[in-house]
Amino acid sequence: MDELVFIILSQMTTSKSFGRVFDRLKVRTKDWSHVLRMPLRKLKALIGDAGLSHQKGPRIKAILKRLERDFGRVSLDALRRMPDDDVEAYLTSLPGVGVKTAKCVMMYSLGRRVLPVDTHVWRVARRLGFVSASVPYPEIHGALEVVVPPADRYSFHVNALSHGRKVCIALRPRCRGCPLRRLCPYPLSHQTRLATGRPLA
């Protein structure tokens, strides 16, 4: 539950304030059942610093209500006994939970060997040539899981995420100082695209 709410608070914001907001929420509430029964206006006030509280507050409440209805309590523990496909299907049936969020909860909290793909991981994978640039985002999770072995998915996700944020950035990738430069076809293809006027990946 903690992981899921943390991710929801982080959505659609570039600010680091969502971490502080999550900590505040945990300190000021007894448990997630307490949050469920909290007036919506109070929840919105508590998470306001994370942005979009008018969307995130109702979404969190709706998820908590659904869990209590489905499992008799506000908990995701029942997912531990389910196979991966069923866990992903259940999580993505919750309000505002997409495949990336579901796989993050599965990987970080449930120890499943899945591979969440956000915009940074997707960009790094494309530039390294692990997946074609023509693969649409809705299909990227499955396509990249074919390429990255289960045992390597956690480390690939964490490292590609960090690399995409610090080095392999979107508009001006720092190719010159990149430790993967010798393995990566992107610098050469990037120069070719600039010369021909083709769009950049």
Protein backbone atom coordinates (compact mmCIF):
# COMPACT_ATOMS: atom_id res chain seq x y z
CA MET A 1 0.00 0.00 0.00
CA ASP A 2 2.81 2.39 0.90
CA GLU A 3 4.47 1.92 -2.47
CA LEU A 4 1.25 2.42 -4.40
CA VAL A 5 0.28 5.63 -2.59
CA PHE A 6 3.84 6.95 -2.88
CA ILE A 7 3.76 6.47 -6.65
CA ILE A 8 0.34 8.11 -6.97
CA LEU A 9 1.63 11.15 -5.07
CA SER A 10 4.66 11.32 -7.39
CA GLN A 11 2.62 11.28 -10.60
CA MET A 12 2.52 14.35 -12.83
CA THR A 13 5.04 16.32 -10.79
CA THR A 14 8.72 17.13 -11.19
CA SER A 15 9.00 18.36 -7.61
CA LYS A 16 10.56 16.25 -4.88
CA SER A 17 7.88 17.45 -2.46
CA PHE A 18 5.87 14.25 -2.86
CA GLY A 19 8.36 12.42 -0.61
CA ARG A 20 7.81 14.94 2.16
CA VAL A 21 4.05 14.78 1.61
CA PHE A 22 4.08 10.98 1.87
CA ASP A 23 6.05 11.13 5.12
CA ARG A 24 3.59 13.67 6.53
CA LEU A 25 0.65 11.48 5.56
CA LYS A 26 2.20 8.47 7.32
CA VAL A 27 2.98 10.45 10.48
CA ARG A 28 -0.44 12.07 10.79
CA THR A 29 -2.54 8.96 10.15
CA LYS A 30 -2.71 5.67 12.03
CA ASP A 31 -3.03 3.43 8.98
CA TRP A 32 -4.63 3.33 5.53
CA SER A 33 -8.03 2.52 7.03
CA HIS A 34 -7.77 5.83 8.87
CA VAL A 35 -7.08 7.59 5.54
CA LEU A 36 -10.13 5.87 4.02
CA ARG A 37 -12.39 7.29 6.73
CA MET A 38 -10.76 10.71 6.72
CA PRO A 39 -12.82 13.54 5.18
CA LEU A 40 -11.71 14.12 1.60
CA ARG A 41 -11.03 17.81 2.23
CA LYS A 42 -8.59 16.88 5.03
CA LEU A 43 -6.78 14.39 2.79
CA LYS A 44 -6.50 17.00 0.03
CA ALA A 45 -5.04 19.46 2.53
CA LEU A 46 -2.48 16.91 3.73
CA ILE A 47 -1.25 16.05 0.22
CA GLY A 48 -1.65 19.49 -1.34
CA ASP A 49 2.12 20.08 -1.63
CA ALA A 50 2.42 17.15 -4.05
CA GLY A 51 0.20 18.90 -6.59
CA LEU A 52 -3.06 17.86 -8.23
CA SER A 53 -4.59 17.04 -4.85
CA HIS A 54 -8.09 17.39 -6.34
CA GLN A 55 -7.27 14.38 -8.55
CA LYS A 56 -4.96 12.41 -6.28
CA GLY A 57 -7.09 12.70 -3.13
CA PRO A 58 -10.24 11.15 -4.65
CA ARG A 59 -8.11 8.56 -6.46
CA ILE A 60 -6.43 7.42 -3.23
CA LYS A 61 -9.78 7.26 -1.44
CA ALA A 62 -11.34 5.27 -4.30
CA ILE A 63 -8.48 2.74 -4.24
CA LEU A 64 -8.71 2.30 -0.46
CA LYS A 65 -12.48 1.82 -0.68
CA ARG A 66 -12.08 -0.78 -3.42
CA LEU A 67 -9.50 -2.74 -1.40
CA GLU A 68 -11.75 -2.82 1.65
CA ARG A 69 -14.61 -4.04 -0.53
CA ASP A 70 -12.55 -6.71 -2.30
CA PHE A 71 -10.41 -8.00 0.59
CA GLY A 72 -12.28 -6.96 3.73
CA ARG A 73 -9.48 -4.61 4.77
CA VAL A 74 -7.30 -1.90 3.28
CA SER A 75 -4.35 -4.04 2.27
CA LEU A 76 -2.68 -5.51 -0.80
CA ASP A 77 -1.39 -8.57 1.08
CA ALA A 78 -3.78 -10.86 -0.81
CA LEU A 79 -1.77 -10.15 -3.98
CA ARG A 80 1.20 -12.07 -2.58
CA ARG A 81 -0.59 -15.35 -3.28
CA MET A 82 -1.50 -14.46 -6.88
CA PRO A 83 0.52 -15.17 -10.06
CA ASP A 84 2.09 -12.19 -11.83
CA ASP A 85 -0.55 -11.83 -14.53
CA ASP A 86 -3.37 -11.76 -11.98
CA VAL A 87 -1.55 -9.25 -9.79
CA GLU A 88 -0.97 -6.92 -12.74
CA ALA A 89 -4.58 -7.29 -13.89
CA TYR A 90 -5.91 -6.46 -10.43
CA LEU A 91 -3.63 -3.48 -9.88
CA THR A 92 -4.40 -1.98 -13.29
CA SER A 93 -8.12 -2.31 -12.53
CA LEU A 94 -7.70 0.20 -9.68
CA PRO A 95 -8.49 3.87 -10.39
CA GLY A 96 -5.57 5.68 -12.01
CA VAL A 97 -3.18 2.71 -11.90
CA GLY A 98 -1.43 1.95 -15.18
CA VAL A 99 0.96 -0.81 -16.17
CA LYS A 100 4.10 1.06 -15.07
CA THR A 101 2.69 1.77 -11.60
CA ALA A 102 1.47 -1.81 -11.27
CA LYS A 103 4.87 -3.21 -12.21
CA CYS A 104 6.64 -0.84 -9.80
CA VAL A 105 4.51 -2.14 -6.94
CA MET A 106 5.13 -5.71 -8.10
CA MET A 107 8.89 -5.25 -8.37
CA TYR A 108 9.64 -3.06 -5.35
CA SER A 109 7.08 -4.40 -2.87
CA LEU A 110 6.26 -7.93 -3.98
CA GLY A 111 9.67 -9.00 -5.26
CA ARG A 112 8.34 -10.00 -8.67
CA ARG A 113 10.77 -10.19 -11.60
CA VAL A 114 8.95 -7.72 -13.80
CA LEU A 115 10.31 -4.62 -15.54
CA PRO A 116 8.60 -1.25 -15.06
CA VAL A 117 9.30 1.10 -17.96
CA ASP A 118 8.99 4.83 -17.50
CA THR A 119 10.04 7.50 -19.99
CA HIS A 120 13.71 7.35 -18.88
CA VAL A 121 14.00 3.57 -19.10
CA TRP A 122 12.22 3.62 -22.46
CA ARG A 123 14.60 6.26 -23.85
CA VAL A 124 17.73 4.44 -22.67
CA ALA A 125 16.49 1.11 -24.04
CA ARG A 126 15.72 2.67 -27.45
CA ARG A 127 19.04 4.46 -27.71
CA LEU A 128 20.98 1.33 -26.74
CA GLY A 129 19.09 -0.57 -29.43
CA PHE A 130 17.42 -2.98 -27.01
CA VAL A 131 14.05 -2.21 -28.58
CA SER A 132 13.04 -0.54 -31.80
CA ALA A 133 11.96 3.10 -31.74
CA SER A 134 8.85 1.97 -33.61
CA VAL A 135 7.54 -0.08 -30.64
CA PRO A 136 4.60 1.92 -29.20
CA TYR A 137 4.69 2.69 -25.50
CA PRO A 138 1.71 0.43 -24.60
CA GLU A 139 3.76 -2.54 -25.88
CA ILE A 140 7.14 -1.54 -24.47
CA HIS A 141 6.89 -3.44 -21.17
CA GLY A 142 6.38 -6.77 -22.90
CA ALA A 143 8.98 -6.03 -25.57
CA LEU A 144 11.69 -5.10 -23.08
CA GLU A 145 10.91 -8.03 -20.77
CA VAL A 146 11.69 -10.31 -23.73
CA VAL A 147 15.14 -8.72 -24.02
CA VAL A 148 16.10 -8.36 -20.32
CA PRO A 149 16.33 -11.66 -18.39
CA PRO A 150 14.22 -11.87 -15.20
CA ALA A 151 17.28 -11.91 -12.92
CA ASP A 152 18.52 -8.62 -14.42
CA ARG A 153 15.26 -6.66 -14.54
CA TYR A 154 15.49 -4.99 -11.13
CA SER A 155 19.05 -3.75 -11.68
CA PHE A 156 18.30 -2.73 -15.27
CA HIS A 157 15.29 -0.70 -14.19
CA VAL A 158 17.11 1.08 -11.36
CA ASN A 159 20.25 1.79 -13.39
CA ALA A 160 18.49 2.79 -16.60
CA LEU A 161 16.25 5.13 -14.61
CA SER A 162 19.25 6.82 -12.99
CA HIS A 163 21.20 6.92 -16.26
CA GLY A 164 18.25 8.43 -18.10
CA ARG A 165 17.88 11.17 -15.51
CA LYS A 166 21.55 12.10 -15.23
CA VAL A 167 23.28 11.26 -18.53
CA CYS A 168 21.00 9.99 -21.29
CA ILE A 169 18.63 12.93 -20.99
CA ALA A 170 15.98 13.67 -23.58
CA LEU A 171 17.07 16.76 -25.50
CA ARG A 172 20.83 17.02 -24.98
CA PRO A 173 22.18 13.60 -23.97
CA ARG A 174 25.66 13.77 -22.43
CA CYS A 175 27.14 11.22 -24.84
CA ARG A 176 30.72 12.45 -24.54
CA GLY A 177 31.00 11.46 -20.88
CA CYS A 178 28.70 8.44 -21.06
CA PRO A 179 30.21 5.19 -19.69
CA LEU A 180 28.13 3.26 -22.26
CA ARG A 181 29.36 5.27 -25.26
CA ARG A 182 31.35 2.42 -26.83
CA LEU A 183 28.34 0.09 -26.63
CA CYS A 184 25.74 2.57 -27.78
CA PRO A 185 24.77 3.22 -31.43
CA TYR A 186 22.96 6.44 -30.55
CA PRO A 187 25.79 9.02 -30.90
CA LEU A 188 26.47 8.00 -34.50
CA SER A 189 22.79 7.73 -35.43
CA HIS A 190 22.19 11.08 -33.69
CA GLN A 191 24.78 12.78 -35.93
CA THR A 192 23.24 11.15 -39.01
CA ARG A 193 19.78 12.37 -38.08
CA LEU A 194 21.05 15.90 -37.54
CA ALA A 195 22.71 15.82 -40.97
CA THR A 196 19.63 14.46 -42.75
CA GLY A 197 17.01 16.37 -40.77
CA ARG A 198 15.32 13.18 -39.54
CA PRO A 199 13.56 13.37 -36.14
CA LEU A 200 15.52 12.43 -33.03
CA ALA A 201 14.62 9.46 -30.85
